[in-house]
Structure formats: C-alpha cells, structure tokens
PDB file of N, CA and C in Angstrom:
ATOM      1  N   MET A   1       0.538  -1.074  -0.123  1.00  0.00           N
ATOM      2  CA  MET A   1       0.014   0.078  -0.095  1.00  0.00           C
ATOM      3  C   MET A   1       0.987   1.240  -0.110  1.00  0.00           C
ATOM      4  N   ALA A   2       0.404   1.951  -0.828  1.00  0.00           N
ATOM      5  CA  ALA A   2       1.349   3.420  -1.026  1.00  0.00           C
ATOM      6  C   ALA A   2       1.013   4.546   0.288  1.00  0.00           C
ATOM      7  N   THR A   3       1.810   4.912   0.297  1.00  0.00           N
ATOM      8  CA  THR A   3       1.710   6.281   1.380  1.00  0.00           C
ATOM      9  C   THR A   3       1.921   7.558   1.156  1.00  0.00           C
ATOM     10  N   LEU A   4       1.151   8.538   1.317  1.00  0.00           N
ATOM     11  CA  LEU A   4       1.878   9.630   0.886  1.00  0.00           C
ATOM     12  C   LEU A   4       2.779  10.550   2.076  1.00  0.00           C
ATOM     13  N   THR A   5       3.829  11.321   1.469  1.00  0.00           N
ATOM     14  CA  THR A   5       4.352  11.762   2.190  1.00  0.00           C
ATOM     15  C   THR A   5       4.967  13.434   1.504  1.00  0.00           C
ATOM     16  N   SER A   6       5.644  14.288   2.853  1.00  0.00           N
ATOM     17  CA  SER A   6       5.437  15.267   2.263  1.00  0.00           C
ATOM     18  C   SER A   6       6.167  15.820   1.168  1.00  0.00           C
ATOM     19  N   THR A   7       7.285  14.614   0.554  1.00  0.00           N
ATOM     20  CA  THR A   7       8.144  14.825   0.107  1.00  0.00           C
ATOM     21  C   THR A   7       7.296  14.412  -1.797  1.00  0.00           C
ATOM     22  N   ASP A   8       5.848  14.611  -1.588  1.00  0.00           N
ATOM     23  CA  ASP A   8       5.486  14.232  -2.758  1.00  0.00           C
ATOM     24  C   ASP A   8       4.642  15.248  -3.589  1.00  0.00           C
ATOM     25  N   ARG A   9       5.272  16.451  -3.343  1.00  0.00           N
ATOM     26  CA  ARG A   9       4.529  17.835  -3.469  1.00  0.00           C
ATOM     27  C   ARG A   9       5.073  18.655  -4.032  1.00  0.00           C
ATOM     28  N   PRO A  10       5.996  18.495  -4.859  1.00  0.00           N
ATOM     29  CA  PRO A  10       6.884  19.414  -6.192  1.00  0.00           C
ATOM     30  C   PRO A  10       5.759  19.867  -6.969  1.00  0.00           C
ATOM     31  N   THR A  11       4.909  18.947  -7.444  1.00  0.00           N
ATOM     32  CA  THR A  11       3.879  19.298  -8.915  1.00  0.00           C
ATOM     33  C   THR A  11       2.944  20.462  -8.109  1.00  0.00           C
ATOM     34  N   SER A  12       2.206  19.733  -6.717  1.00  0.00           N
ATOM     35  CA  SER A  12       1.394  20.930  -6.226  1.00  0.00           C
ATOM     36  C   SER A  12       1.761  22.498  -5.920  1.00  0.00           C
ATOM     37  N   ASP A  13       2.945  22.176  -5.557  1.00  0.00           N
ATOM     38  CA  ASP A  13       4.194  23.802  -5.189  1.00  0.00           C
ATOM     39  C   ASP A  13       4.637  24.283  -6.669  1.00  0.00           C
ATOM     40  N   GLY A  14       4.774  23.634  -7.235  1.00  0.00           N
ATOM     41  CA  GLY A  14       5.014  24.144  -8.908  1.00  0.00           C
ATOM     42  C   GLY A  14       3.697  24.876  -9.367  1.00  0.00           C
ATOM     43  N   VAL A  15       2.502  24.226  -9.210  1.00  0.00           N
ATOM     44  CA  VAL A  15       1.495  25.199 -10.107  1.00  0.00           C
ATOM     45  C   VAL A  15       0.800  25.928  -8.980  1.00  0.00           C
ATOM     46  N   ALA A  16       0.957  25.824  -7.795  1.00  0.00           N
ATOM     47  CA  ALA A  16       0.760  27.025  -7.154  1.00  0.00           C
ATOM     48  C   ALA A  16       1.960  28.443  -7.416  1.00  0.00           C
ATOM     49  N   LEU A  17       3.043  27.797  -7.207  1.00  0.00           N
ATOM     50  CA  LEU A  17       4.086  29.045  -7.901  1.00  0.00           C
ATOM     51  C   LEU A  17       3.788  29.949  -9.045  1.00  0.00           C
ATOM     52  N   VAL A  18       3.447  29.098 -10.054  1.00  0.00           N
ATOM     53  CA  VAL A  18       3.070  29.553 -11.787  1.00  0.00           C
ATOM     54  C   VAL A  18       2.040  30.392 -11.240  1.00  0.00           C
ATOM     55  N   LEU A  19       0.830  29.865 -10.765  1.00  0.00           N
ATOM     56  CA  LEU A  19      -0.258  30.664 -10.511  1.00  0.00           C
ATOM     57  C   LEU A  19      -0.315  31.988  -9.498  1.00  0.00           C
ATOM     58  N   ASN A  20       0.319  31.564  -8.582  1.00  0.00           N
ATOM     59  CA  ASN A  20       0.214  33.058  -7.733  1.00  0.00           C
ATOM     60  C   ASN A  20       1.416  33.919  -8.169  1.00  0.00           C
ATOM     61  N   LEU A  21       2.745  33.604  -8.930  1.00  0.00           N
ATOM     62  CA  LEU A  21       3.381  34.357  -9.692  1.00  0.00           C
ATOM     63  C   LEU A  21       2.407  35.160 -10.765  1.00  0.00           C
ATOM     64  N   ALA A  22       1.526  34.699 -11.436  1.00  0.00           N
ATOM     65  CA  ALA A  22       0.603  35.447 -12.311  1.00  0.00           C
ATOM     66  C   ALA A  22       0.045  36.330 -11.590  1.00  0.00           C
ATOM     67  N   VAL A  23      -0.800  36.127 -10.402  1.00  0.00           N
ATOM     68  CA  VAL A  23      -1.566  36.560  -9.887  1.00  0.00           C
ATOM     69  C   VAL A  23      -0.630  37.903  -9.222  1.00  0.00           C
ATOM     70  N   LEU A  24       0.176  38.102  -8.552  1.00  0.00           N
ATOM     71  CA  LEU A  24       1.120  38.498  -8.008  1.00  0.00           C
ATOM     72  C   LEU A  24       1.574  39.720  -9.271  1.00  0.00           C
ATOM     73  N   SER A  25       2.009  39.055 -10.319  1.00  0.00           N
ATOM     74  CA  SER A  25       2.333  40.267 -10.895  1.00  0.00           C
ATOM     75  C   SER A  25       1.548  40.687 -11.809  1.00  0.00           C
ATOM     76  N   GLU A  26       0.233  41.012 -11.597  1.00  0.00           N
ATOM     77  CA  GLU A  26      -1.073  41.427 -12.073  1.00  0.00           C
ATOM     78  C   GLU A  26      -1.001  40.649 -13.978  1.00  0.00           C
ATOM     79  N   TRP A  27      -0.487  39.774 -14.184  1.00  0.00           N
ATOM     80  CA  TRP A  27      -0.798  38.844 -15.252  1.00  0.00           C
ATOM     81  C   TRP A  27       0.114  39.051 -16.046  1.00  0.00           C
ATOM     82  N   ARG A  28       1.013  40.061 -15.697  1.00  0.00           N
ATOM     83  CA  ARG A  28       2.317  40.211 -16.641  1.00  0.00           C
ATOM     84  C   ARG A  28       3.131  39.285 -16.869  1.00  0.00           C
ATOM     85  N   LEU A  29       3.165  38.361 -15.719  1.00  0.00           N
ATOM     86  CA  LEU A  29       4.217  37.025 -15.986  1.00  0.00           C
ATOM     87  C   LEU A  29       3.407  35.345 -15.691  1.00  0.00           C
ATOM     88  N   ASP A  30       2.629  35.670 -17.075  1.00  0.00           N
ATOM     89  CA  ASP A  30       1.498  34.309 -16.781  1.00  0.00           C
ATOM     90  C   ASP A  30       1.988  33.281 -17.724  1.00  0.00           C
ATOM     91  N   LEU A  31       2.897  32.129 -16.995  1.00  0.00           N
ATOM     92  CA  LEU A  31       3.072  31.104 -17.994  1.00  0.00           C
ATOM     93  C   LEU A  31       2.428  30.182 -18.387  1.00  0.00           C
ATOM     94  N   TYR A  32       1.213  30.522 -17.882  1.00  0.00           N
ATOM     95  CA  TYR A  32       0.125  29.430 -19.081  1.00  0.00           C
ATOM     96  C   TYR A  32      -0.135  30.077 -20.101  1.00  0.00           C
ATOM     97  N   GLY A  33      -0.232  31.560 -19.738  1.00  0.00           N
ATOM     98  CA  GLY A  33      -0.872  32.428 -20.806  1.00  0.00           C
ATOM     99  C   GLY A  33       0.459  32.559 -21.983  1.00  0.00           C
ATOM    100  N   VAL A  34       1.624  32.538 -21.508  1.00  0.00           N
ATOM    101  CA  VAL A  34       2.819  32.151 -22.985  1.00  0.00           C
ATOM    102  C   VAL A  34       2.843  30.802 -23.500  1.00  0.00           C
ATOM    103  N   LEU A  35       2.623  29.934 -22.792  1.00  0.00           N
ATOM    104  CA  LEU A  35       2.568  28.644 -23.480  1.00  0.00           C
ATOM    105  C   LEU A  35       1.030  28.508 -24.222  1.00  0.00           C
ATOM    106  N   TRP A  36       0.105  29.330 -24.065  1.00  0.00           N
ATOM    107  CA  TRP A  36      -1.305  29.197 -24.873  1.00  0.00           C
ATOM    108  C   TRP A  36      -0.378  29.818 -26.359  1.00  0.00           C
ATOM    109  N   LYS A  37      -0.043  31.098 -25.910  1.00  0.00           N
ATOM    110  CA  LYS A  37       0.215  31.746 -27.170  1.00  0.00           C
ATOM    111  C   LYS A  37       1.339  31.479 -27.926  1.00  0.00           C
ATOM    112  N   ARG A  38       2.564  30.445 -27.367  1.00  0.00           N
ATOM    113  CA  ARG A  38       3.532  30.197 -28.148  1.00  0.00           C
ATOM    114  C   ARG A  38       3.660  28.535 -28.583  1.00  0.00           C
ATOM    115  N   ALA A  39       2.847  27.816 -27.726  1.00  0.00           N
ATOM    116  CA  ALA A  39       2.598  26.234 -28.088  1.00  0.00           C
ATOM    117  C   ALA A  39       1.522  25.683 -28.384  1.00  0.00           C
ATOM    118  N   VAL A  40       0.274  26.198 -28.092  1.00  0.00           N
ATOM    119  CA  VAL A  40      -1.459  25.708 -28.685  1.00  0.00           C
ATOM    120  C   VAL A  40      -1.807  26.883 -29.772  1.00  0.00           C
ATOM    121  N   VAL A  41      -2.016  28.207 -29.767  1.00  0.00           N
ATOM    122  CA  VAL A  41      -2.127  28.464 -30.740  1.00  0.00           C
ATOM    123  C   VAL A  41      -1.589  28.562 -32.522  1.00  0.00           C
ATOM    124  N   PRO A  42      -0.379  28.623 -32.387  1.00  0.00           N
ATOM    125  CA  PRO A  42       0.271  28.119 -33.635  1.00  0.00           C
ATOM    126  C   PRO A  42      -0.280  26.711 -34.074  1.00  0.00           C
ATOM    127  N   VAL A  43      -0.903  25.692 -33.361  1.00  0.00           N
ATOM    128  CA  VAL A  43      -1.014  24.107 -33.639  1.00  0.00           C
ATOM    129  C   VAL A  43      -2.568  24.247 -33.987  1.00  0.00           C
ATOM    130  N   VAL A  44      -3.396  24.782 -33.053  1.00  0.00           N
ATOM    131  CA  VAL A  44      -4.900  25.163 -33.543  1.00  0.00           C
ATOM    132  C   VAL A  44      -5.769  26.096 -34.106  1.00  0.00           C
ATOM    133  N   GLY A  45      -4.472  26.900 -33.980  1.00  0.00           N
ATOM    134  CA  GLY A  45      -5.354  28.562 -34.658  1.00  0.00           C
ATOM    135  C   GLY A  45      -5.680  29.262 -33.387  1.00  0.00           C
ATOM    136  N   ARG A  46      -6.109  30.472 -33.727  1.00  0.00           N
ATOM    137  CA  ARG A  46      -6.471  31.735 -33.261  1.00  0.00           C
ATOM    138  C   ARG A  46      -8.404  31.489 -33.028  1.00  0.00           C
ATOM    139  N   PRO A  47      -8.728  31.341 -31.850  1.00  0.00           N
ATOM    140  CA  PRO A  47     -10.282  30.783 -31.746  1.00  0.00           C
ATOM    141  C   PRO A  47     -10.956  31.877 -32.459  1.00  0.00           C
ATOM    142  N   ALA A  48     -11.940  31.760 -32.979  1.00  0.00           N
ATOM    143  CA  ALA A  48     -13.163  32.775 -33.897  1.00  0.00           C
ATOM    144  C   ALA A  48     -13.634  33.242 -33.169  1.00  0.00           C
ATOM    145  N   GLU A  49     -14.025  33.696 -31.778  1.00  0.00           N
ATOM    146  CA  GLU A  49     -14.466  34.621 -30.992  1.00  0.00           C
ATOM    147  C   GLU A  49     -13.597  34.716 -29.843  1.00  0.00           C
ATOM    148  N   ARG A  50     -13.280  35.916 -29.129  1.00  0.00           N
ATOM    149  CA  ARG A  50     -12.610  36.223 -28.314  1.00  0.00           C
ATOM    150  C   ARG A  50     -13.414  36.782 -27.186  1.00  0.00           C
ATOM    151  N   GLU A  51     -13.069  35.594 -26.033  1.00  0.00           N
ATOM    152  CA  GLU A  51     -14.051  35.559 -24.715  1.00  0.00           C
ATOM    153  C   GLU A  51     -13.402  36.887 -23.732  1.00  0.00           C
ATOM    154  N   PRO A  52     -14.351  37.577 -23.089  1.00  0.00           N
ATOM    155  CA  PRO A  52     -13.323  38.344 -21.897  1.00  0.00           C
ATOM    156  C   PRO A  52     -12.393  37.752 -20.954  1.00  0.00           C
ATOM    157  N   ALA A  53     -11.407  38.495 -20.478  1.00  0.00           N
ATOM    158  CA  ALA A  53     -10.478  37.796 -19.904  1.00  0.00           C
ATOM    159  C   ALA A  53     -10.688  37.870 -18.603  1.00  0.00           C
ATOM    160  N   ALA A  54     -11.637  38.556 -17.823  1.00  0.00           N
ATOM    161  CA  ALA A  54     -11.972  38.898 -16.687  1.00  0.00           C
ATOM    162  C   ALA A  54     -12.152  37.762 -15.973  1.00  0.00           C
ATOM    163  N   PRO A  55     -13.480  36.586 -16.325  1.00  0.00           N
ATOM    164  CA  PRO A  55     -13.842  35.408 -15.729  1.00  0.00           C
ATOM    165  C   PRO A  55     -12.699  34.670 -15.659  1.00  0.00           C
ATOM    166  N   HIS A  56     -11.983  34.466 -16.568  1.00  0.00           N
ATOM    167  CA  HIS A  56     -10.758  33.290 -16.695  1.00  0.00           C
ATOM    168  C   HIS A  56      -9.550  34.034 -15.458  1.00  0.00           C
ATOM    169  N   ARG A  57      -9.545  35.295 -15.345  1.00  0.00           N
ATOM    170  CA  ARG A  57      -8.785  35.802 -14.631  1.00  0.00           C
ATOM    171  C   ARG A  57      -8.949  35.436 -12.878  1.00  0.00           C
ATOM    172  N   PHE A  58     -10.047  35.435 -13.157  1.00  0.00           N
ATOM    173  CA  PHE A  58     -10.712  35.293 -11.723  1.00  0.00           C
ATOM    174  C   PHE A  58     -10.787  34.022 -11.409  1.00  0.00           C
ATOM    175  N   ALA A  59     -10.899  32.745 -12.347  1.00  0.00           N
ATOM    176  CA  ALA A  59     -10.883  31.264 -11.947  1.00  0.00           C
ATOM    177  C   ALA A  59      -9.340  31.308 -12.066  1.00  0.00           C
ATOM    178  N   LYS A  60      -8.601  31.726 -12.495  1.00  0.00           N
ATOM    179  CA  LYS A  60      -7.242  31.628 -12.221  1.00  0.00           C
ATOM    180  C   LYS A  60      -6.567  31.839 -10.891  1.00  0.00           C
ATOM    181  N   LEU A  61      -7.681  32.947 -10.187  1.00  0.00           N
ATOM    182  CA  LEU A  61      -7.204  33.664  -8.837  1.00  0.00           C
ATOM    183  C   LEU A  61      -7.663  32.819  -7.783  1.00  0.00           C
ATOM    184  N   VAL A  62      -8.889  31.954  -7.996  1.00  0.00           N
ATOM    185  CA  VAL A  62      -9.518  31.087  -7.066  1.00  0.00           C
ATOM    186  C   VAL A  62      -8.658  29.652  -7.102  1.00  0.00           C
ATOM    187  N   GLY A  63      -8.056  29.247  -8.281  1.00  0.00           N
ATOM    188  CA  GLY A  63      -7.083  28.233  -8.307  1.00  0.00           C
ATOM    189  C   GLY A  63      -5.702  28.650  -7.844  1.00  0.00           C
ATOM    190  N   ALA A  64      -5.527  29.699  -7.854  1.00  0.00           N
ATOM    191  CA  ALA A  64      -4.102  30.178  -7.060  1.00  0.00           C
ATOM    192  C   ALA A  64      -4.016  30.247  -5.392  1.00  0.00           C
ATOM    193  N   VAL A  65      -5.287  30.574  -5.169  1.00  0.00           N
ATOM    194  CA  VAL A  65      -5.721  30.627  -3.530  1.00  0.00           C
ATOM    195  C   VAL A  65      -5.518  29.189  -3.290  1.00  0.00           C
ATOM    196  N   THR A  66      -6.428  28.262  -3.968  1.00  0.00           N
ATOM    197  CA  THR A  66      -6.728  27.301  -3.711  1.00  0.00           C
ATOM    198  C   THR A  66      -5.605  26.200  -3.804  1.00  0.00           C
ATOM    199  N   THR A  67      -5.130  26.181  -4.819  1.00  0.00           N
ATOM    200  CA  THR A  67      -3.644  25.543  -4.870  1.00  0.00           C
ATOM    201  C   THR A  67      -2.642  25.729  -3.560  1.00  0.00           C
ATOM    202  N   ALA A  68      -2.463  27.490  -3.373  1.00  0.00           N
ATOM    203  CA  ALA A  68      -1.946  27.671  -2.181  1.00  0.00           C
ATOM    204  C   ALA A  68      -2.223  27.187  -0.788  1.00  0.00           C
ATOM    205  N   LEU A  69      -3.388  27.200  -0.495  1.00  0.00           N
ATOM    206  CA  LEU A  69      -3.968  26.606   0.519  1.00  0.00           C
ATOM    207  C   LEU A  69      -3.602  24.777   0.357  1.00  0.00           C
ATOM    208  N   ALA A  70      -3.600  24.426  -0.482  1.00  0.00           N
ATOM    209  CA  ALA A  70      -3.640  22.972  -0.659  1.00  0.00           C
ATOM    210  C   ALA A  70      -1.796  22.619  -0.387  1.00  0.00           C
ATOM    211  N   GLY A  71      -0.864  23.848  -0.588  1.00  0.00           N
ATOM    212  CA  GLY A  71       0.322  24.038  -0.248  1.00  0.00           C
ATOM    213  C   GLY A  71       1.089  24.226   0.772  1.00  0.00           C
ATOM    214  N   VAL A  72      -0.031  24.903   1.841  1.00  0.00           N
ATOM    215  CA  VAL A  72       0.146  25.134   3.119  1.00  0.00           C
ATOM    216  C   VAL A  72      -0.092  23.693   4.354  1.00  0.00           C
ATOM    217  N   ALA A  73      -1.101  23.359   3.605  1.00  0.00           N
ATOM    218  CA  ALA A  73      -1.964  22.030   4.174  1.00  0.00           C
ATOM    219  C   ALA A  73      -0.823  21.092   4.239  1.00  0.00           C
ATOM    220  N   LEU A  74      -0.255  20.797   3.076  1.00  0.00           N
ATOM    221  CA  LEU A  74       0.936  19.801   2.699  1.00  0.00           C
ATOM    222  C   LEU A  74       2.501  20.190   3.883  1.00  0.00           C
ATOM    223  N   LEU A  75       2.578  21.539   3.820  1.00  0.00           N
ATOM    224  CA  LEU A  75       3.763  21.926   4.652  1.00  0.00           C
ATOM    225  C   LEU A  75       3.647  21.684   6.329  1.00  0.00           C
ATOM    226  N   ALA A  76       1.697  21.725   6.148  1.00  0.00           N
ATOM    227  CA  ALA A  76       1.521  21.686   7.979  1.00  0.00           C
ATOM    228  C   ALA A  76       1.201  20.163   8.633  1.00  0.00           C
ATOM    229  N   GLY A  77       1.494  19.287   7.427  1.00  0.00           N
ATOM    230  CA  GLY A  77       1.328  17.627   7.547  1.00  0.00           C
ATOM    231  C   GLY A  77       0.167  17.182   7.480  1.00  0.00           C
ATOM    232  N   LEU A  78      -0.573  17.978   6.807  1.00  0.00           N
ATOM    233  CA  LEU A  78      -2.109  17.586   6.785  1.00  0.00           C
ATOM    234  C   LEU A  78      -2.425  16.734   5.270  1.00  0.00           C
ATOM    235  N   LEU A  79      -1.519  15.898   5.091  1.00  0.00           N
ATOM    236  CA  LEU A  79      -1.151  15.409   3.543  1.00  0.00           C
ATOM    237  C   LEU A  79      -2.623  14.917   2.959  1.00  0.00           C
ATOM    238  N   LEU A  80      -3.531  14.011   3.715  1.00  0.00           N
ATOM    239  CA  LEU A  80      -5.102  14.039   3.187  1.00  0.00           C
ATOM    240  C   LEU A  80      -5.832  15.223   2.629  1.00  0.00           C
ATOM    241  N   VAL A  81      -5.604  16.379   3.304  1.00  0.00           N
ATOM    242  CA  VAL A  81      -6.200  17.431   3.173  1.00  0.00           C
ATOM    243  C   VAL A  81      -5.586  18.406   1.972  1.00  0.00           C
ATOM    244  N   GLY A  82      -4.509  18.140   2.127  1.00  0.00           N
ATOM    245  CA  GLY A  82      -3.698  18.740   0.963  1.00  0.00           C
ATOM    246  C   GLY A  82      -3.846  18.347  -0.543  1.00  0.00           C
ATOM    247  N   TYR A  83      -3.811  16.855  -0.064  1.00  0.00           N
ATOM    248  CA  TYR A  83      -3.812  15.991  -2.031  1.00  0.00           C
ATOM    249  C   TYR A  83      -5.481  16.186  -2.409  1.00  0.00           C
ATOM    250  N   ALA A  84      -6.444  16.075  -1.299  1.00  0.00           N
ATOM    251  CA  ALA A  84      -7.599  16.240  -1.817  1.00  0.00           C
ATOM    252  C   ALA A  84      -8.003  17.973  -2.356  1.00  0.00           C
ATOM    253  N   ILE A  85      -7.444  18.410  -1.881  1.00  0.00           N
ATOM    254  CA  ILE A  85      -7.562  19.916  -2.164  1.00  0.00           C
ATOM    255  C   ILE A  85      -6.690  20.120  -3.565  1.00  0.00           C
ATOM    256  N   ALA A  86      -5.776  19.563  -3.832  1.00  0.00           N
ATOM    257  CA  ALA A  86      -5.069  19.460  -4.938  1.00  0.00           C
ATOM    258  C   ALA A  86      -5.719  18.657  -5.963  1.00  0.00           C
ATOM    259  N   GLY A  87      -6.297  17.566  -5.396  1.00  0.00           N
ATOM    260  CA  GLY A  87      -7.178  16.877  -6.677  1.00  0.00           C
ATOM    261  C   GLY A  87      -8.587  17.616  -7.091  1.00  0.00           C
ATOM    262  N   VAL A  88      -8.777  18.334  -6.093  1.00  0.00           N
ATOM    263  CA  VAL A  88     -10.124  19.119  -6.519  1.00  0.00           C
ATOM    264  C   VAL A  88      -9.593  20.025  -7.513  1.00  0.00           C
ATOM    265  N   VAL A  89      -9.042  20.646  -7.651  1.00  0.00           N
ATOM    266  CA  VAL A  89      -8.180  21.838  -8.479  1.00  0.00           C
ATOM    267  C   VAL A  89      -7.959  21.353  -9.589  1.00  0.00           C
ATOM    268  N   ALA A  90      -7.260  20.375  -9.796  1.00  0.00           N
ATOM    269  CA  ALA A  90      -6.776  19.276 -11.315  1.00  0.00           C
ATOM    270  C   ALA A  90      -7.829  19.290 -11.745  1.00  0.00           C
ATOM    271  N   ALA A  91      -8.997  18.439 -10.584  1.00  0.00           N
ATOM    272  CA  ALA A  91     -10.327  17.889 -11.685  1.00  0.00           C
ATOM    273  C   ALA A  91     -10.975  18.852 -12.124  1.00  0.00           C
ATOM    274  N   LEU A  92     -11.120  19.859 -11.520  1.00  0.00           N
ATOM    275  CA  LEU A  92     -11.736  21.254 -12.087  1.00  0.00           C
ATOM    276  C   LEU A  92     -11.301  21.996 -13.218  1.00  0.00           C
ATOM    277  N   ALA A  93      -9.512  21.850 -13.431  1.00  0.00           N
ATOM    278  CA  ALA A  93      -8.819  22.416 -14.716  1.00  0.00           C
ATOM    279  C   ALA A  93      -9.114  21.350 -15.352  1.00  0.00           C
ATOM    280  N   GLY A  94      -9.358  20.088 -15.198  1.00  0.00           N
ATOM    281  CA  GLY A  94      -9.312  19.086 -16.399  1.00  0.00           C
ATOM    282  C   GLY A  94     -10.638  19.106 -16.935  1.00  0.00           C
ATOM    283  N   LEU A  95     -11.824  19.265 -16.162  1.00  0.00           N
ATOM    284  CA  LEU A  95     -12.963  19.593 -16.797  1.00  0.00           C
ATOM    285  C   LEU A  95     -13.020  21.036 -17.317  1.00  0.00           C
ATOM    286  N   ALA A  96     -12.725  22.067 -16.921  1.00  0.00           N
ATOM    287  CA  ALA A  96     -12.682  22.915 -17.857  1.00  0.00           C
ATOM    288  C   ALA A  96     -12.176  22.800 -19.314  1.00  0.00           C
ATOM    289  N   ALA A  97     -10.683  21.982 -18.933  1.00  0.00           N
ATOM    290  CA  ALA A  97      -9.939  21.605 -20.550  1.00  0.00           C
ATOM    291  C   ALA A  97     -10.549  20.797 -21.514  1.00  0.00           C
ATOM    292  N   ALA A  98     -11.009  19.771 -20.863  1.00  0.00           N
ATOM    293  CA  ALA A  98     -11.699  19.042 -21.450  1.00  0.00           C
ATOM    294  C   ALA A  98     -13.416  19.457 -22.004  1.00  0.00           C
ATOM    295  N   THR A  99     -14.028  19.925 -21.570  1.00  0.00           N
ATOM    296  CA  THR A  99     -15.329  20.177 -21.639  1.00  0.00           C
ATOM    297  C   THR A  99     -15.663  21.382 -21.981  1.00  0.00           C
ATOM    298  N   ASP A 100     -14.602  22.595 -21.829  1.00  0.00           N
ATOM    299  CA  ASP A 100     -14.932  24.254 -21.608  1.00  0.00           C
ATOM    300  C   ASP A 100     -16.169  24.559 -20.741  1.00  0.00           C
ATOM    301  N   VAL A 101     -16.231  23.833 -19.763  1.00  0.00           N
ATOM    302  CA  VAL A 101     -16.872  23.812 -18.412  1.00  0.00           C
ATOM    303  C   VAL A 101     -15.799  24.730 -17.369  1.00  0.00           C
ATOM    304  N   CYS A 102     -15.947  25.856 -17.201  1.00  0.00           N
ATOM    305  CA  CYS A 102     -15.054  26.781 -16.444  1.00  0.00           C
ATOM    306  C   CYS A 102     -16.162  26.828 -15.002  1.00  0.00           C
ATOM    307  N   LEU A 103     -15.933  26.306 -13.931  1.00  0.00           N
ATOM    308  CA  LEU A 103     -16.383  26.675 -12.696  1.00  0.00           C
ATOM    309  C   LEU A 103     -16.258  27.804 -12.034  1.00  0.00           C
ATOM    310  N   GLY A 104     -14.877  28.370 -12.213  1.00  0.00           N
ATOM    311  CA  GLY A 104     -14.698  29.556 -11.859  1.00  0.00           C
ATOM    312  C   GLY A 104     -14.888  30.969 -12.636  1.00  0.00           C
ATOM    313  N   CYS A 105     -15.050  30.506 -13.779  1.00  0.00           N
ATOM    314  CA  CYS A 105     -15.995  32.017 -14.892  1.00  0.00           C
ATOM    315  C   CYS A 105     -17.266  31.871 -14.418  1.00  0.00           C
ATOM    316  N   ARG A 106     -17.891  30.812 -13.828  1.00  0.00           N
ATOM    317  CA  ARG A 106     -19.533  30.773 -13.534  1.00  0.00           C
ATOM    318  C   ARG A 106     -19.580  31.481 -12.456  1.00  0.00           C
ATOM    319  N   LEU A 107     -18.754  31.108 -11.474  1.00  0.00           N
ATOM    320  CA  LEU A 107     -18.671  31.978  -9.751  1.00  0.00           C
ATOM    321  C   LEU A 107     -18.533  33.090 -10.310  1.00  0.00           C
ATOM    322  N   TYR A 108     -17.606  33.768 -11.448  1.00  0.00           N
ATOM    323  CA  TYR A 108     -17.487  35.038 -11.647  1.00  0.00           C
ATOM    324  C   TYR A 108     -18.712  35.802 -11.885  1.00  0.00           C
ATOM    325  N   ARG A 109     -19.294  35.041 -12.938  1.00  0.00           N
ATOM    326  CA  ARG A 109     -20.458  35.754 -13.238  1.00  0.00           C
ATOM    327  C   ARG A 109     -21.504  35.823 -12.383  1.00  0.00           C
ATOM    328  N   GLN A 110     -21.805  35.019 -11.648  1.00  0.00           N
ATOM    329  CA  GLN A 110     -22.557  34.833 -10.257  1.00  0.00           C
ATOM    330  C   GLN A 110     -22.157  35.881  -9.217  1.00  0.00           C
ATOM    331  N   VAL A 111     -20.892  35.838  -8.961  1.00  0.00           N
ATOM    332  CA  VAL A 111     -20.658  37.396  -8.139  1.00  0.00           C
ATOM    333  C   VAL A 111     -20.715  38.557  -8.948  1.00  0.00           C
ATOM    334  N   SER A 112     -20.404  38.894 -10.125  1.00  0.00           N
ATOM    335  CA  SER A 112     -20.877  39.768 -10.909  1.00  0.00           C
ATOM    336  C   SER A 112     -22.440  40.198 -10.580  1.00  0.00           C
ATOM    337  N   PHE A 113     -23.304  39.069 -10.839  1.00  0.00           N
ATOM    338  CA  PHE A 113     -24.572  39.472 -10.859  1.00  0.00           C
ATOM    339  C   PHE A 113     -24.559  39.966  -9.504  1.00  0.00           C
ATOM    340  N   PHE A 114     -24.586  39.484  -8.087  1.00  0.00           N
ATOM    341  CA  PHE A 114     -24.634  39.897  -6.811  1.00  0.00           C
ATOM    342  C   PHE A 114     -24.254  41.478  -6.674  1.00  0.00           C
ATOM    343  N   ARG A 115     -23.389  41.518  -7.238  1.00  0.00           N
ATOM    344  CA  ARG A 115     -22.590  43.089  -7.424  1.00  0.00           C
ATOM    345  C   ARG A 115     -23.462  43.986  -7.835  1.00  0.00           C
ATOM    346  N   ARG A 116     -24.137  43.663  -9.230  1.00  0.00           N
ATOM    347  CA  ARG A 116     -24.796  44.567  -9.765  1.00  0.00           C
ATOM    348  C   ARG A 116     -25.908  44.648  -8.896  1.00  0.00           C
ATOM    349  N   LEU A 117     -26.797  43.640  -8.102  1.00  0.00           N
ATOM    350  CA  LEU A 117     -28.069  43.901  -7.690  1.00  0.00           C
ATOM    351  C   LEU A 117     -27.423  44.748  -6.173  1.00  0.00           C
ATOM    352  N   GLY A 118     -25.945  45.083  -5.758  1.00  0.00           N
ATOM    353  CA  GLY A 118     -25.814  45.733  -4.885  1.00  0.00           C
ATOM    354  C   GLY A 118     -25.579  44.693  -3.526  1.00  0.00           C
ATOM    355  N   VAL A 119     -25.526  43.436  -3.588  1.00  0.00           N
ATOM    356  CA  VAL A 119     -25.631  42.758  -2.444  1.00  0.00           C
ATOM    357  C   VAL A 119     -24.177  42.502  -1.965  1.00  0.00           C
ATOM    358  N   VAL A 120     -23.399  42.333  -3.037  1.00  0.00           N
ATOM    359  CA  VAL A 120     -21.648  41.987  -2.240  1.00  0.00           C
ATOM    360  C   VAL A 120     -21.102  43.702  -2.900  1.00  0.00           C
TER     361      VAL A 120
END
C-alpha cells in the first residue's frame, strides 16, 4: 500500500508558484498564457471568437488561492487534506480543458450578478 509523504508535493508547489506569480504580477508573468500563445495557438489556430479575460483571470485567482491552501496544508503535515484540495483543483482544471465548462468563470458571473444587485 502506497503512503503519502511530504516529499510528493513538488507538482502542487509548482502549480501554486506559477498561478500565484501570475496573480501577484497582475498577469504580466503568466506562464500558462505564454504557453497558450507560443505552443497551442500555432497548432490549433486563433479562436474565432474572443472571450472576456476577466472571468478566466478570476478562475485563475481562485485556483491560485486554492492551490496555495493545498500547499500550506501539505507543509503543515495534513497530507490527505492537501492532496484532496489539490485533486479538486486538478479535476476542475481538467473539466475546463476537456469540456469547456469553467466553474471559476461561472462563479465570476454569479458574483458579478450579485454585485449589480448591490448585495456584494
């Protein structure tokens, strides 16, 4: 039976670093954005329609905060909690990549709706 150890977390820490660096630099140092522009767009071409950036940035912010929380849990020795949080982030990112369903973007739209009503 395999056990989880604190040395198994470099991937989670790497993702947290990349996402938080993008958030803290106000999206000027966005590794995923660079990879998209340099690696994916030349292969699949430019999208026919451009989407607003704000929902996707909000989703990345939620992912950054959640992945950082997973890293803190792993550093604190709460391995099951840390890996569970990281797994949820990975599953939601995979869902967005495979089906174009971005839950962070939908959350952004809900928050925007409540802001327009003056609730938030």
